[in-house]
Amino acid sequence: MQQNFQEFLQLIEQLRSENGCPYDKLKEELGDLLLNILLVAQIAKEKTR
């Protein structure tokens, strides 16, 4: 799990970099918000197990 999370963080860093995806640089990117919501929901789901 730790390795997967580190890979995820590296992916986010790459997407947000100067040479990353131009869509990830938009100020009103709703996809970023949705990703955060789903991540928090998954964490909450795991804690209730």
PDB file of N, CA and C in Angstrom:
ATOM      1  N   MET A   1       0.825  -1.198   0.000  1.00  0.00           N
ATOM      2  CA  MET A   1       0.000   0.000   0.000  1.00  0.00           C
ATOM      3  C   MET A   1       0.866   1.258   0.000  1.00  0.00           C
ATOM      4  N   GLN A   2       1.916   1.246   0.813  1.00  0.00           N
ATOM      5  CA  GLN A   2       2.811   2.407   0.898  1.00  0.00           C
ATOM      6  C   GLN A   2       3.431   2.708  -0.468  1.00  0.00           C
ATOM      7  N   GLN A   3       3.865   1.666  -1.189  1.00  0.00           N
ATOM      8  CA  GLN A   3       4.470   1.853  -2.509  1.00  0.00           C
ATOM      9  C   GLN A   3       3.461   2.443  -3.479  1.00  0.00           C
ATOM     10  N   ASN A   4       2.231   1.947  -3.457  1.00  0.00           N
ATOM     11  CA  ASN A   4       1.188   2.475  -4.339  1.00  0.00           C
ATOM     12  C   ASN A   4       0.922   3.946  -4.055  1.00  0.00           C
ATOM     13  N   PHE A   5       0.913   4.315  -2.795  1.00  0.00           N
ATOM     14  CA  PHE A   5       0.657   5.706  -2.436  1.00  0.00           C
ATOM     15  C   PHE A   5       1.804   6.593  -2.910  1.00  0.00           C
ATOM     16  N   GLN A   6       3.034   6.115  -2.780  1.00  0.00           N
ATOM     17  CA  GLN A   6       4.182   6.884  -3.244  1.00  0.00           C
ATOM     18  C   GLN A   6       4.134   7.068  -4.759  1.00  0.00           C
ATOM     19  N   GLU A   7       3.738   6.026  -5.480  1.00  0.00           N
ATOM     20  CA  GLU A   7       3.591   6.124  -6.934  1.00  0.00           C
ATOM     21  C   GLU A   7       2.497   7.126  -7.297  1.00  0.00           C
ATOM     22  N   PHE A   8       1.419   7.120  -6.534  1.00  0.00           N
ATOM     23  CA  PHE A   8       0.326   8.065  -6.763  1.00  0.00           C
ATOM     24  C   PHE A   8       0.806   9.503  -6.561  1.00  0.00           C
ATOM     25  N   LEU A   9       1.568   9.731  -5.493  1.00  0.00           N
ATOM     26  CA  LEU A   9       2.102  11.066  -5.232  1.00  0.00           C
ATOM     27  C   LEU A   9       3.041  11.512  -6.345  1.00  0.00           C
ATOM     28  N   GLN A  10       3.844  10.602  -6.849  1.00  0.00           N
ATOM     29  CA  GLN A  10       4.754  10.926  -7.951  1.00  0.00           C
ATOM     30  C   GLN A  10       3.969  11.275  -9.212  1.00  0.00           C
ATOM     31  N   LEU A  11       2.885  10.557  -9.453  1.00  0.00           N
ATOM     32  CA  LEU A  11       2.041  10.855 -10.603  1.00  0.00           C
ATOM     33  C   LEU A  11       1.433  12.245 -10.494  1.00  0.00           C
ATOM     34  N   ILE A  12       0.923  12.586  -9.330  1.00  0.00           N
ATOM     35  CA  ILE A  12       0.335  13.908  -9.115  1.00  0.00           C
ATOM     36  C   ILE A  12       1.396  14.989  -9.322  1.00  0.00           C
ATOM     37  N   GLU A  13       2.589  14.750  -8.792  1.00  0.00           N
ATOM     38  CA  GLU A  13       3.679  15.716  -8.954  1.00  0.00           C
ATOM     39  C   GLU A  13       4.024  15.902 -10.435  1.00  0.00           C
ATOM     40  N   GLN A  14       4.073  14.806 -11.178  1.00  0.00           N
ATOM     41  CA  GLN A  14       4.377  14.880 -12.600  1.00  0.00           C
ATOM     42  C   GLN A  14       3.290  15.632 -13.366  1.00  0.00           C
ATOM     43  N   LEU A  15       2.035  15.332 -13.064  1.00  0.00           N
ATOM     44  CA  LEU A  15       0.933  16.010 -13.753  1.00  0.00           C
ATOM     45  C   LEU A  15       0.928  17.504 -13.485  1.00  0.00           C
ATOM     46  N   ARG A  16       1.309  17.893 -12.269  1.00  0.00           N
ATOM     47  CA  ARG A  16       1.279  19.297 -11.892  1.00  0.00           C
ATOM     48  C   ARG A  16       2.552  20.045 -12.277  1.00  0.00           C
ATOM     49  N   SER A  17       3.557  19.331 -12.775  1.00  0.00           N
ATOM     50  CA  SER A  17       4.830  19.965 -13.118  1.00  0.00           C
ATOM     51  C   SER A  17       4.692  20.860 -14.347  1.00  0.00           C
ATOM     52  N   GLU A  18       5.727  21.601 -14.617  1.00  0.00           N
ATOM     53  CA  GLU A  18       5.741  22.522 -15.755  1.00  0.00           C
ATOM     54  C   GLU A  18       5.513  21.789 -17.076  1.00  0.00           C
ATOM     55  N   ASN A  19       5.986  20.559 -17.174  1.00  0.00           N
ATOM     56  CA  ASN A  19       5.830  19.768 -18.399  1.00  0.00           C
ATOM     57  C   ASN A  19       4.673  18.781 -18.310  1.00  0.00           C
ATOM     58  N   GLY A  20       3.866  18.902 -17.279  1.00  0.00           N
ATOM     59  CA  GLY A  20       2.755  17.976 -17.071  1.00  0.00           C
ATOM     60  C   GLY A  20       1.559  18.312 -17.933  1.00  0.00           C
ATOM     61  N   CYS A  21       0.448  17.753 -17.551  1.00  0.00           N
ATOM     62  CA  CYS A  21      -0.806  17.926 -18.272  1.00  0.00           C
ATOM     63  C   CYS A  21      -1.320  19.358 -18.129  1.00  0.00           C
ATOM     64  N   PRO A  22      -1.591  20.048 -19.245  1.00  0.00           N
ATOM     65  CA  PRO A  22      -2.072  21.429 -19.152  1.00  0.00           C
ATOM     66  C   PRO A  22      -3.442  21.538 -18.489  1.00  0.00           C
ATOM     67  N   TYR A  23      -4.239  20.480 -18.546  1.00  0.00           N
ATOM     68  CA  TYR A  23      -5.564  20.520 -17.932  1.00  0.00           C
ATOM     69  C   TYR A  23      -5.476  20.552 -16.414  1.00  0.00           C
ATOM     70  N   ASP A  24      -4.382  20.011 -15.858  1.00  0.00           N
ATOM     71  CA  ASP A  24      -4.215  20.016 -14.412  1.00  0.00           C
ATOM     72  C   ASP A  24      -3.781  21.373 -13.886  1.00  0.00           C
ATOM     73  N   LYS A  25      -3.537  22.331 -14.756  1.00  0.00           N
ATOM     74  CA  LYS A  25      -3.125  23.658 -14.329  1.00  0.00           C
ATOM     75  C   LYS A  25      -4.311  24.632 -14.241  1.00  0.00           C
ATOM     76  N   LEU A  26      -5.487  24.186 -14.657  1.00  0.00           N
ATOM     77  CA  LEU A  26      -6.666  25.049 -14.612  1.00  0.00           C
ATOM     78  C   LEU A  26      -7.087  25.279 -13.176  1.00  0.00           C
ATOM     79  N   LYS A  27      -7.415  26.516 -12.858  1.00  0.00           N
ATOM     80  CA  LYS A  27      -7.767  26.883 -11.491  1.00  0.00           C
ATOM     81  C   LYS A  27      -9.073  26.239 -11.044  1.00  0.00           C
ATOM     82  N   GLU A  28      -9.983  26.033 -11.939  1.00  0.00           N
ATOM     83  CA  GLU A  28     -11.294  25.511 -11.562  1.00  0.00           C
ATOM     84  C   GLU A  28     -11.459  24.055 -11.990  1.00  0.00           C
ATOM     85  N   GLU A  29     -10.411  23.299 -11.798  1.00  0.00           N
ATOM     86  CA  GLU A  29     -10.425  21.891 -12.215  1.00  0.00           C
ATOM     87  C   GLU A  29     -11.257  21.064 -11.238  1.00  0.00           C
ATOM     88  N   LEU A  30     -12.430  20.683 -11.636  1.00  0.00           N
ATOM     89  CA  LEU A  30     -13.312  19.910 -10.775  1.00  0.00           C
ATOM     90  C   LEU A  30     -12.826  18.484 -10.596  1.00  0.00           C
ATOM     91  N   GLY A  31     -12.052  17.989 -11.539  1.00  0.00           N
ATOM     92  CA  GLY A  31     -11.520  16.639 -11.415  1.00  0.00           C
ATOM     93  C   GLY A  31     -10.638  16.491 -10.192  1.00  0.00           C
ATOM     94  N   ASP A  32      -9.866  17.545  -9.878  1.00  0.00           N
ATOM     95  CA  ASP A  32      -9.024  17.504  -8.684  1.00  0.00           C
ATOM     96  C   ASP A  32      -9.877  17.384  -7.428  1.00  0.00           C
ATOM     97  N   LEU A  33     -10.955  18.109  -7.404  1.00  0.00           N
ATOM     98  CA  LEU A  33     -11.856  18.058  -6.255  1.00  0.00           C
ATOM     99  C   LEU A  33     -12.479  16.670  -6.122  1.00  0.00           C
ATOM    100  N   LEU A  34     -12.926  16.122  -7.237  1.00  0.00           N
ATOM    101  CA  LEU A  34     -13.528  14.793  -7.213  1.00  0.00           C
ATOM    102  C   LEU A  34     -12.519  13.754  -6.742  1.00  0.00           C
ATOM    103  N   LEU A  35     -11.291  13.848  -7.216  1.00  0.00           N
ATOM    104  CA  LEU A  35     -10.250  12.923  -6.787  1.00  0.00           C
ATOM    105  C   LEU A  35     -10.045  12.991  -5.282  1.00  0.00           C
ATOM    106  N   ASN A  36      -9.998  14.187  -4.737  1.00  0.00           N
ATOM    107  CA  ASN A  36      -9.838  14.349  -3.286  1.00  0.00           C
ATOM    108  C   ASN A  36     -11.018  13.765  -2.517  1.00  0.00           C
ATOM    109  N   ILE A  37     -12.214  14.000  -2.999  1.00  0.00           N
ATOM    110  CA  ILE A  37     -13.408  13.474  -2.330  1.00  0.00           C
ATOM    111  C   ILE A  37     -13.394  11.956  -2.324  1.00  0.00           C
ATOM    112  N   LEU A  38     -13.064  11.352  -3.458  1.00  0.00           N
ATOM    113  CA  LEU A  38     -13.039   9.901  -3.543  1.00  0.00           C
ATOM    114  C   LEU A  38     -11.935   9.309  -2.682  1.00  0.00           C
ATOM    115  N   LEU A  39     -10.806   9.983  -2.604  1.00  0.00           N
ATOM    116  CA  LEU A  39      -9.713   9.505  -1.756  1.00  0.00           C
ATOM    117  C   LEU A  39     -10.119   9.530  -0.282  1.00  0.00           C
ATOM    118  N   VAL A  40     -10.727  10.603   0.152  1.00  0.00           N
ATOM    119  CA  VAL A  40     -11.182  10.701   1.540  1.00  0.00           C
ATOM    120  C   VAL A  40     -12.277   9.677   1.818  1.00  0.00           C
ATOM    121  N   ALA A  41     -13.165   9.455   0.864  1.00  0.00           N
ATOM    122  CA  ALA A  41     -14.223   8.463   1.034  1.00  0.00           C
ATOM    123  C   ALA A  41     -13.633   7.064   1.181  1.00  0.00           C
ATOM    124  N   GLN A  42     -12.613   6.752   0.400  1.00  0.00           N
ATOM    125  CA  GLN A  42     -11.970   5.447   0.503  1.00  0.00           C
ATOM    126  C   GLN A  42     -11.282   5.271   1.851  1.00  0.00           C
ATOM    127  N   ILE A  43     -10.626   6.308   2.325  1.00  0.00           N
ATOM    128  CA  ILE A  43      -9.968   6.253   3.635  1.00  0.00           C
ATOM    129  C   ILE A  43     -11.003   6.009   4.728  1.00  0.00           C
ATOM    130  N   ALA A  44     -12.123   6.703   4.655  1.00  0.00           N
ATOM    131  CA  ALA A  44     -13.191   6.517   5.644  1.00  0.00           C
ATOM    132  C   ALA A  44     -13.752   5.104   5.571  1.00  0.00           C
ATOM    133  N   LYS A  45     -13.910   4.589   4.380  1.00  0.00           N
ATOM    134  CA  LYS A  45     -14.416   3.223   4.205  1.00  0.00           C
ATOM    135  C   LYS A  45     -13.462   2.206   4.841  1.00  0.00           C
ATOM    136  N   GLU A  46     -12.170   2.422   4.641  1.00  0.00           N
ATOM    137  CA  GLU A  46     -11.165   1.521   5.209  1.00  0.00           C
ATOM    138  C   GLU A  46     -11.157   1.574   6.741  1.00  0.00           C
ATOM    139  N   LYS A  47     -11.404   2.730   7.291  1.00  0.00           N
ATOM    140  CA  LYS A  47     -11.393   2.871   8.752  1.00  0.00           C
ATOM    141  C   LYS A  47     -12.581   2.195   9.410  1.00  0.00           C
ATOM    142  N   THR A  48     -13.671   1.994   8.659  1.00  0.00           N
ATOM    143  CA  THR A  48     -14.861   1.360   9.236  1.00  0.00           C
ATOM    144  C   THR A  48     -14.812  -0.153   9.156  1.00  0.00           C
ATOM    145  N   ARG A  49     -13.779  -0.701   8.582  1.00  0.00           N
ATOM    146  CA  ARG A  49     -13.653  -2.171   8.465  1.00  0.00           C
ATOM    147  C   ARG A  49     -13.283  -2.790   9.760  1.00  0.00           C
TER     148      ARG A  49
END
